[in-house]
Each structure stands twice: as C-alpha cells, then as structure tokens.
Amino acid sequence: MNAIRQQSLPAVRRLSRLCGVLLCLCTAASATDIYKYTAPDGTVTYSALKPRSGAYEKLEPSCLLSYIGCELSASDWARVPLNHNDYHAQIRSVAAQHGLEAALVRAVVHAESNFNHKAVSRAGAQGLMQLMPKTQRTLGVRDPYDIGENLNGGTRLLKELLVRYRHNVKLAVAAYNAGPDAVDRHQGIPPYPETRNYVRRVTQLYSRYKETL
C-alpha cells in the first residue's frame, strides 16, 4: 500500500485540496517549482517551498499531475482555463501544414507541456509536444526546444498516428502517450492509468478548444 493510501482521511482531504491548488499553479505559471518530500514515516508532502533538509524530488510542472497520480485530474481538465494566445500562429500554421485541426494540436500541447517550450518530463521527453530523444531522431528534430521544430515533429507524429488508427482520435492520442505497440497489443487504449487519464485530458481539451477556436 502506498504512502498516500496509508494517510488518514484528513490527510487525504488535504491532498485532494492540494491537487487543486497545484493544478492552478501548473496552469497559471508553468515555471513554478514544486517539490516532493517523503518523510521517514512514509508521508508524502508536496510544496512550492524547497525543503531545507532531507531527500526531495523537484517535479516538472508539465507533468505534475502524473507525478501525484491525483484522481481529480480526470475532471479538472474539463474546467482548467484554456490558453488561446501562446503560439497561436505557429500552431495554426503547423496544423494546416499537416492537415489537422488546430484545436487538436493545441489540446496535445496543453496536455503535454502546458505551453512550456522548455518542459522536460521525468522520462526525458522534451519541449512543447514532449518528444522523446528516439522520437526526435526519427522525426529529424535537431533541437527539441525550438518551438517550430518541436511543433512540426509532434504534429507530424500525431498525423501519422491518426492515419494509422483511421482517424480515431482516442487511439491516436493513446499511442502518442504509450506508443503504438501498446495500443496494438491491447487492441485499444492500454489499461494504464496514466494513459487513460491522458486520453481523457486531451479529448476534454480538444472538445473545448473546438468550441472556441
């Protein structure tokens, strides 16, 4: 049983409230530093203040919800403020170039990096569309932090996955997160909590951006 489940009910409630607060931080300021500290008794604490002592982990805001594993993420993304301004022209241009809806590309960028072009995940994915080094090489992306290169590579990959899965957005998005091998092996969205939450996030954002773009 993990540390979060071992906590008392009040502690779980505090964690739930914290998830909401951290979501706001993640949305409002992608450069916010969040630290994860595990006490000797196994209690896990998340704070914007750097611990003065003991072991801690600095979390990337772009994948904060994945680190916490907060179940509220399933519904929070239906309410999180949309971002219509950052990289507006670039996203519209690259989406048109690859024959995709700008709303879908923007939704993936929002879910992947929260529009932080310098974002790095704990797995090593980089940039706006969180491309892994191997994927970067395959797509010919030389600088993952270059906005144009990253958007072009990520959108091209997304288009390839949509074609592969006959324009089934949920399967394409699942493959973007977990890889096409996992989707093919499970003959659908893999039963990974992270992937299922990711698909839910992107589809919620996609639907909302479609209504407003």
C-alpha atoms as a PDB file:
ATOM      1  CA  MET A   1       0.000   0.000   0.000  1.00  0.00           C
ATOM      2  CA  ASN A   2       1.459   3.331  -0.975  1.00  0.00           C
ATOM      3  CA  ALA A   3       2.073   6.239   1.342  1.00  0.00           C
ATOM      4  CA  ILE A   4      -0.931   8.218   0.151  1.00  0.00           C
ATOM      5  CA  ARG A   5      -3.318   5.372   0.937  1.00  0.00           C
ATOM      6  CA  GLN A   6      -1.817   4.974   4.383  1.00  0.00           C
ATOM      7  CA  GLN A   7      -2.606   8.551   5.311  1.00  0.00           C
ATOM      8  CA  SER A   8      -5.589   9.439   7.485  1.00  0.00           C
ATOM      9  CA  LEU A   9      -8.820  10.757   5.953  1.00  0.00           C
ATOM     10  CA  PRO A  10      -7.984  14.380   6.853  1.00  0.00           C
ATOM     11  CA  ALA A  11      -4.615  13.943   5.170  1.00  0.00           C
ATOM     12  CA  VAL A  12      -6.265  12.587   2.034  1.00  0.00           C
ATOM     13  CA  ARG A  13      -8.633  15.546   2.025  1.00  0.00           C
ATOM     14  CA  ARG A  14      -5.686  17.907   2.348  1.00  0.00           C
ATOM     15  CA  LEU A  15      -4.014  16.140  -0.578  1.00  0.00           C
ATOM     16  CA  SER A  16      -7.164  16.500  -2.676  1.00  0.00           C
ATOM     17  CA  ARG A  17      -7.259  20.230  -1.976  1.00  0.00           C
ATOM     18  CA  LEU A  18      -3.547  20.458  -2.738  1.00  0.00           C
ATOM     19  CA  CYS A  19      -4.102  18.797  -6.110  1.00  0.00           C
ATOM     20  CA  GLY A  20      -6.493  21.592  -7.000  1.00  0.00           C
ATOM     21  CA  VAL A  21      -4.036  24.231  -5.848  1.00  0.00           C
ATOM     22  CA  LEU A  22      -1.180  22.631  -7.760  1.00  0.00           C
ATOM     23  CA  LEU A  23      -3.311  22.421 -10.876  1.00  0.00           C
ATOM     24  CA  CYS A  24      -3.825  26.171 -10.682  1.00  0.00           C
ATOM     25  CA  LEU A  25      -0.099  26.674 -10.240  1.00  0.00           C
ATOM     26  CA  CYS A  26       0.618  24.430 -13.176  1.00  0.00           C
ATOM     27  CA  THR A  27      -1.846  26.318 -15.358  1.00  0.00           C
ATOM     28  CA  ALA A  28      -1.034  29.857 -14.273  1.00  0.00           C
ATOM     29  CA  ALA A  29       2.742  29.613 -14.200  1.00  0.00           C
ATOM     30  CA  SER A  30       4.488  26.752 -15.914  1.00  0.00           C
ATOM     31  CA  ALA A  31       7.788  27.777 -14.336  1.00  0.00           C
ATOM     32  CA  THR A  32       6.529  27.158 -10.775  1.00  0.00           C
ATOM     33  CA  ASP A  33       8.804  24.779  -8.847  1.00  0.00           C
ATOM     34  CA  ILE A  34       7.106  22.012  -6.893  1.00  0.00           C
ATOM     35  CA  TYR A  35       8.993  19.732  -4.518  1.00  0.00           C
ATOM     36  CA  LYS A  36       8.058  16.235  -3.374  1.00  0.00           C
ATOM     37  CA  TYR A  37       9.379  15.227   0.056  1.00  0.00           C
ATOM     38  CA  THR A  38       8.962  11.809   1.674  1.00  0.00           C
ATOM     39  CA  ALA A  39       9.233  11.823   5.461  1.00  0.00           C
ATOM     40  CA  PRO A  40      10.840   8.924   7.383  1.00  0.00           C
ATOM     41  CA  ASP A  41       7.358   7.616   8.256  1.00  0.00           C
ATOM     42  CA  GLY A  42       6.432   7.433   4.578  1.00  0.00           C
ATOM     43  CA  THR A  43       4.242  10.536   4.490  1.00  0.00           C
ATOM     44  CA  VAL A  44       4.486  12.323   1.144  1.00  0.00           C
ATOM     45  CA  THR A  45       4.382  16.133   1.051  1.00  0.00           C
ATOM     46  CA  TYR A  46       4.173  18.425  -1.994  1.00  0.00           C
ATOM     47  CA  SER A  47       5.225  22.034  -1.585  1.00  0.00           C
ATOM     48  CA  ALA A  48       6.285  25.085  -3.571  1.00  0.00           C
ATOM     49  CA  LEU A  49       8.953  25.650  -0.888  1.00  0.00           C
ATOM     50  CA  LYS A  50      12.260  23.843  -1.274  1.00  0.00           C
ATOM     51  CA  PRO A  51      12.914  21.558   1.749  1.00  0.00           C
ATOM     52  CA  ARG A  52      15.813  22.704   3.909  1.00  0.00           C
ATOM     53  CA  SER A  53      16.942  19.159   4.654  1.00  0.00           C
ATOM     54  CA  GLY A  54      16.279  15.557   3.754  1.00  0.00           C
ATOM     55  CA  ALA A  55      15.731  13.883   0.405  1.00  0.00           C
ATOM     56  CA  TYR A  56      13.361  15.532  -2.037  1.00  0.00           C
ATOM     57  CA  GLU A  57      12.459  15.493  -5.720  1.00  0.00           C
ATOM     58  CA  LYS A  58      11.858  18.569  -7.861  1.00  0.00           C
ATOM     59  CA  LEU A  59       8.836  17.973 -10.067  1.00  0.00           C
ATOM     60  CA  GLU A  60       8.302  19.326 -13.559  1.00  0.00           C
ATOM     61  CA  PRO A  61       5.074  21.364 -13.761  1.00  0.00           C
ATOM     62  CA  SER A  62       4.391  19.982 -17.218  1.00  0.00           C
ATOM     63  CA  CYS A  63       3.765  16.506 -15.825  1.00  0.00           C
ATOM     64  CA  LEU A  64       2.836  17.397 -12.264  1.00  0.00           C
ATOM     65  CA  LEU A  65      -0.459  15.536 -12.231  1.00  0.00           C
ATOM     66  CA  SER A  66       1.219  12.382 -13.493  1.00  0.00           C
ATOM     67  CA  TYR A  67       3.698  12.543 -10.606  1.00  0.00           C
ATOM     68  CA  ILE A  68       0.978  12.977  -7.999  1.00  0.00           C
ATOM     69  CA  GLY A  69      -1.374  10.493  -9.600  1.00  0.00           C
ATOM     70  CA  CYS A  70      -4.244  12.719  -8.463  1.00  0.00           C
ATOM     71  CA  GLU A  71      -7.600  11.213  -9.416  1.00  0.00           C
ATOM     72  CA  LEU A  72      -9.012  14.723  -9.664  1.00  0.00           C
ATOM     73  CA  SER A  73      -7.107  15.061 -12.916  1.00  0.00           C
ATOM     74  CA  ALA A  74      -9.898  13.103 -14.596  1.00  0.00           C
ATOM     75  CA  SER A  75     -12.298  16.015 -14.154  1.00  0.00           C
ATOM     76  CA  ASP A  76     -10.079  19.049 -13.566  1.00  0.00           C
ATOM     77  CA  TRP A  77      -9.158  19.300 -17.230  1.00  0.00           C
ATOM     78  CA  ALA A  78     -12.783  19.920 -18.073  1.00  0.00           C
ATOM     79  CA  ARG A  79     -12.522  23.157 -16.094  1.00  0.00           C
ATOM     80  CA  VAL A  80      -8.904  24.251 -16.427  1.00  0.00           C
ATOM     81  CA  PRO A  81      -8.626  27.641 -18.212  1.00  0.00           C
ATOM     82  CA  LEU A  82      -7.885  27.360 -21.913  1.00  0.00           C
ATOM     83  CA  ASN A  83      -4.916  29.097 -23.500  1.00  0.00           C
ATOM     84  CA  HIS A  84      -5.703  30.667 -26.862  1.00  0.00           C
ATOM     85  CA  ASN A  85      -2.734  33.012 -27.009  1.00  0.00           C
ATOM     86  CA  ASP A  86       0.575  31.154 -26.690  1.00  0.00           C
ATOM     87  CA  TYR A  87       1.978  30.017 -30.044  1.00  0.00           C
ATOM     88  CA  HIS A  88      -1.364  30.752 -31.716  1.00  0.00           C
ATOM     89  CA  ALA A  89       0.025  31.448 -35.186  1.00  0.00           C
ATOM     90  CA  GLN A  90       2.599  28.643 -35.054  1.00  0.00           C
ATOM     91  CA  ILE A  91       0.058  26.021 -34.037  1.00  0.00           C
ATOM     92  CA  ARG A  92      -2.455  27.091 -36.680  1.00  0.00           C
ATOM     93  CA  SER A  93       0.260  27.029 -39.339  1.00  0.00           C
ATOM     94  CA  VAL A  94       1.684  23.619 -38.476  1.00  0.00           C
ATOM     95  CA  ALA A  95      -1.791  22.107 -38.086  1.00  0.00           C
ATOM     96  CA  ALA A  96      -2.770  23.342 -41.555  1.00  0.00           C
ATOM     97  CA  GLN A  97       0.509  22.055 -42.983  1.00  0.00           C
ATOM     98  CA  HIS A  98      -0.252  18.532 -41.791  1.00  0.00           C
ATOM     99  CA  GLY A  99      -3.991  18.632 -42.362  1.00  0.00           C
ATOM    100  CA  LEU A 100      -5.017  18.594 -38.707  1.00  0.00           C
ATOM    101  CA  GLU A 101      -7.339  20.717 -36.626  1.00  0.00           C
ATOM    102  CA  ALA A 102      -5.549  23.426 -34.692  1.00  0.00           C
ATOM    103  CA  ALA A 103      -7.803  22.569 -31.741  1.00  0.00           C
ATOM    104  CA  LEU A 104      -6.355  19.047 -31.532  1.00  0.00           C
ATOM    105  CA  VAL A 105      -2.738  20.171 -31.775  1.00  0.00           C
ATOM    106  CA  ARG A 106      -3.361  22.850 -29.142  1.00  0.00           C
ATOM    107  CA  ALA A 107      -5.015  20.288 -26.871  1.00  0.00           C
ATOM    108  CA  VAL A 108      -1.985  17.976 -27.096  1.00  0.00           C
ATOM    109  CA  VAL A 109       0.419  20.847 -26.422  1.00  0.00           C
ATOM    110  CA  HIS A 110      -1.691  21.919 -23.438  1.00  0.00           C
ATOM    111  CA  ALA A 111      -1.809  18.398 -22.004  1.00  0.00           C
ATOM    112  CA  GLU A 112       1.839  17.628 -22.716  1.00  0.00           C
ATOM    113  CA  SER A 113       3.718  20.755 -21.627  1.00  0.00           C
ATOM    114  CA  ASN A 114       1.206  23.385 -20.550  1.00  0.00           C
ATOM    115  CA  PHE A 115       2.765  25.573 -23.274  1.00  0.00           C
ATOM    116  CA  ASN A 116       6.213  25.467 -21.653  1.00  0.00           C
ATOM    117  CA  HIS A 117       8.636  25.016 -24.559  1.00  0.00           C
ATOM    118  CA  LYS A 118      11.455  24.133 -22.135  1.00  0.00           C
ATOM    119  CA  ALA A 119       9.493  21.409 -20.328  1.00  0.00           C
ATOM    120  CA  VAL A 120      11.293  18.128 -19.583  1.00  0.00           C
ATOM    121  CA  SER A 121       9.448  15.109 -18.194  1.00  0.00           C
ATOM    122  CA  ARG A 122      10.900  12.622 -15.727  1.00  0.00           C
ATOM    123  CA  ALA A 123      11.124  10.131 -18.629  1.00  0.00           C
ATOM    124  CA  GLY A 124      13.185  12.565 -20.706  1.00  0.00           C
ATOM    125  CA  ALA A 125      10.520  13.872 -23.108  1.00  0.00           C
ATOM    126  CA  GLN A 126      11.259  17.441 -24.168  1.00  0.00           C
ATOM    127  CA  GLY A 127       9.631  20.598 -25.440  1.00  0.00           C
ATOM    128  CA  LEU A 128       6.103  21.703 -26.261  1.00  0.00           C
ATOM    129  CA  MET A 129       4.913  18.331 -27.527  1.00  0.00           C
ATOM    130  CA  GLN A 130       7.167  16.295 -25.219  1.00  0.00           C
ATOM    131  CA  LEU A 131       9.166  14.321 -27.757  1.00  0.00           C
ATOM    132  CA  MET A 132      11.463  11.554 -26.554  1.00  0.00           C
ATOM    133  CA  PRO A 133      15.054  11.594 -27.883  1.00  0.00           C
ATOM    134  CA  LYS A 134      14.495   8.473 -30.009  1.00  0.00           C
ATOM    135  CA  THR A 135      11.355  10.002 -31.500  1.00  0.00           C
ATOM    136  CA  GLN A 136      13.218  13.231 -32.168  1.00  0.00           C
ATOM    137  CA  ARG A 137      15.820  11.351 -34.187  1.00  0.00           C
ATOM    138  CA  THR A 138      13.136   9.515 -36.167  1.00  0.00           C
ATOM    139  CA  LEU A 139      11.340  12.770 -36.936  1.00  0.00           C
ATOM    140  CA  GLY A 140      14.529  14.688 -37.681  1.00  0.00           C
ATOM    141  CA  VAL A 141      14.064  17.118 -34.804  1.00  0.00           C
ATOM    142  CA  ARG A 142      17.513  18.514 -34.003  1.00  0.00           C
ATOM    143  CA  ASP A 143      16.548  20.953 -31.259  1.00  0.00           C
ATOM    144  CA  PRO A 144      13.527  19.828 -29.182  1.00  0.00           C
ATOM    145  CA  TYR A 145      13.373  23.244 -27.508  1.00  0.00           C
ATOM    146  CA  ASP A 146      12.997  25.027 -30.815  1.00  0.00           C
ATOM    147  CA  ILE A 147       9.300  25.873 -30.978  1.00  0.00           C
ATOM    148  CA  GLY A 148       8.951  25.388 -34.720  1.00  0.00           C
ATOM    149  CA  GLU A 149      10.884  22.120 -34.857  1.00  0.00           C
ATOM    150  CA  ASN A 150       9.073  20.620 -31.889  1.00  0.00           C
ATOM    151  CA  LEU A 151       5.615  21.591 -33.124  1.00  0.00           C
ATOM    152  CA  ASN A 152       6.358  20.282 -36.603  1.00  0.00           C
ATOM    153  CA  GLY A 153       7.727  16.981 -35.312  1.00  0.00           C
ATOM    154  CA  GLY A 154       4.958  16.397 -32.790  1.00  0.00           C
ATOM    155  CA  THR A 155       2.199  17.321 -35.238  1.00  0.00           C
ATOM    156  CA  ARG A 156       3.693  15.100 -37.903  1.00  0.00           C
ATOM    157  CA  LEU A 157       3.756  12.204 -35.431  1.00  0.00           C
ATOM    158  CA  LEU A 158       0.175  12.894 -34.406  1.00  0.00           C
ATOM    159  CA  LYS A 159      -0.910  12.886 -38.061  1.00  0.00           C
ATOM    160  CA  GLU A 160       0.837   9.555 -38.674  1.00  0.00           C
ATOM    161  CA  LEU A 161      -0.952   8.026 -35.692  1.00  0.00           C
ATOM    162  CA  LEU A 162      -4.323   9.372 -36.817  1.00  0.00           C
ATOM    163  CA  VAL A 163      -3.811   7.803 -40.234  1.00  0.00           C
ATOM    164  CA  ARG A 164      -2.701   4.538 -38.634  1.00  0.00           C
ATOM    165  CA  TYR A 165      -5.818   4.376 -36.470  1.00  0.00           C
ATOM    166  CA  ARG A 166      -8.225   5.580 -39.160  1.00  0.00           C
ATOM    167  CA  HIS A 167      -8.672   8.988 -37.550  1.00  0.00           C
ATOM    168  CA  ASN A 168      -9.772   7.560 -34.215  1.00  0.00           C
ATOM    169  CA  VAL A 169      -8.608  10.439 -32.011  1.00  0.00           C
ATOM    170  CA  LYS A 170      -8.662   8.460 -28.762  1.00  0.00           C
ATOM    171  CA  LEU A 171      -6.500   5.653 -30.151  1.00  0.00           C
ATOM    172  CA  ALA A 172      -4.096   8.088 -31.800  1.00  0.00           C
ATOM    173  CA  VAL A 173      -3.732  10.066 -28.587  1.00  0.00           C
ATOM    174  CA  ALA A 174      -3.252   6.864 -26.579  1.00  0.00           C
ATOM    175  CA  ALA A 175      -0.495   5.841 -28.987  1.00  0.00           C
ATOM    176  CA  TYR A 176       1.095   9.284 -28.686  1.00  0.00           C
ATOM    177  CA  ASN A 177       1.332   8.698 -24.941  1.00  0.00           C
ATOM    178  CA  ALA A 178       2.034   4.971 -24.611  1.00  0.00           C
ATOM    179  CA  GLY A 179       3.301   4.083 -28.078  1.00  0.00           C
ATOM    180  CA  PRO A 180       1.517   2.287 -30.941  1.00  0.00           C
ATOM    181  CA  ASP A 181       2.856  -1.115 -29.842  1.00  0.00           C
ATOM    182  CA  ALA A 182       0.936  -0.829 -26.570  1.00  0.00           C
ATOM    183  CA  VAL A 183      -2.258   0.196 -28.368  1.00  0.00           C
ATOM    184  CA  ASP A 184      -1.922  -2.673 -30.855  1.00  0.00           C
ATOM    185  CA  ARG A 185      -1.113  -5.187 -28.143  1.00  0.00           C
ATOM    186  CA  HIS A 186      -4.166  -4.252 -26.100  1.00  0.00           C
ATOM    187  CA  GLN A 187      -6.315  -3.702 -29.207  1.00  0.00           C
ATOM    188  CA  GLY A 188      -7.404  -0.361 -27.857  1.00  0.00           C
ATOM    189  CA  ILE A 189      -6.483   2.164 -25.183  1.00  0.00           C
ATOM    190  CA  PRO A 190      -3.966   0.430 -22.867  1.00  0.00           C
ATOM    191  CA  PRO A 191      -5.174  -0.165 -19.286  1.00  0.00           C
ATOM    192  CA  TYR A 192      -2.539   2.157 -17.858  1.00  0.00           C
ATOM    193  CA  PRO A 193      -3.996   4.791 -15.502  1.00  0.00           C
ATOM    194  CA  GLU A 194      -1.588   7.427 -16.829  1.00  0.00           C
ATOM    195  CA  THR A 195      -2.559   6.761 -20.449  1.00  0.00           C
ATOM    196  CA  ARG A 196      -6.279   6.648 -19.750  1.00  0.00           C
ATOM    197  CA  ASN A 197      -6.105   9.895 -17.808  1.00  0.00           C
ATOM    198  CA  TYR A 198      -4.034  11.390 -20.613  1.00  0.00           C
ATOM    199  CA  VAL A 199      -6.583  10.414 -23.264  1.00  0.00           C
ATOM    200  CA  ARG A 200      -9.336  11.886 -21.108  1.00  0.00           C
ATOM    201  CA  ARG A 201      -7.384  15.132 -20.652  1.00  0.00           C
ATOM    202  CA  VAL A 202      -6.658  15.582 -24.346  1.00  0.00           C
ATOM    203  CA  THR A 203     -10.170  14.757 -25.515  1.00  0.00           C
ATOM    204  CA  GLN A 204     -11.676  17.128 -22.967  1.00  0.00           C
ATOM    205  CA  LEU A 205      -9.331  19.906 -24.037  1.00  0.00           C
ATOM    206  CA  TYR A 206      -9.847  19.114 -27.713  1.00  0.00           C
ATOM    207  CA  SER A 207     -13.614  19.361 -27.373  1.00  0.00           C
ATOM    208  CA  ARG A 208     -13.366  22.661 -25.537  1.00  0.00           C
ATOM    209  CA  TYR A 209     -10.860  24.178 -27.965  1.00  0.00           C
ATOM    210  CA  LYS A 210     -13.052  23.142 -30.914  1.00  0.00           C
ATOM    211  CA  GLU A 211     -15.877  25.189 -29.456  1.00  0.00           C
ATOM    212  CA  THR A 212     -13.779  28.302 -29.014  1.00  0.00           C
ATOM    213  CA  LEU A 213     -11.262  28.392 -31.879  1.00  0.00           C
END
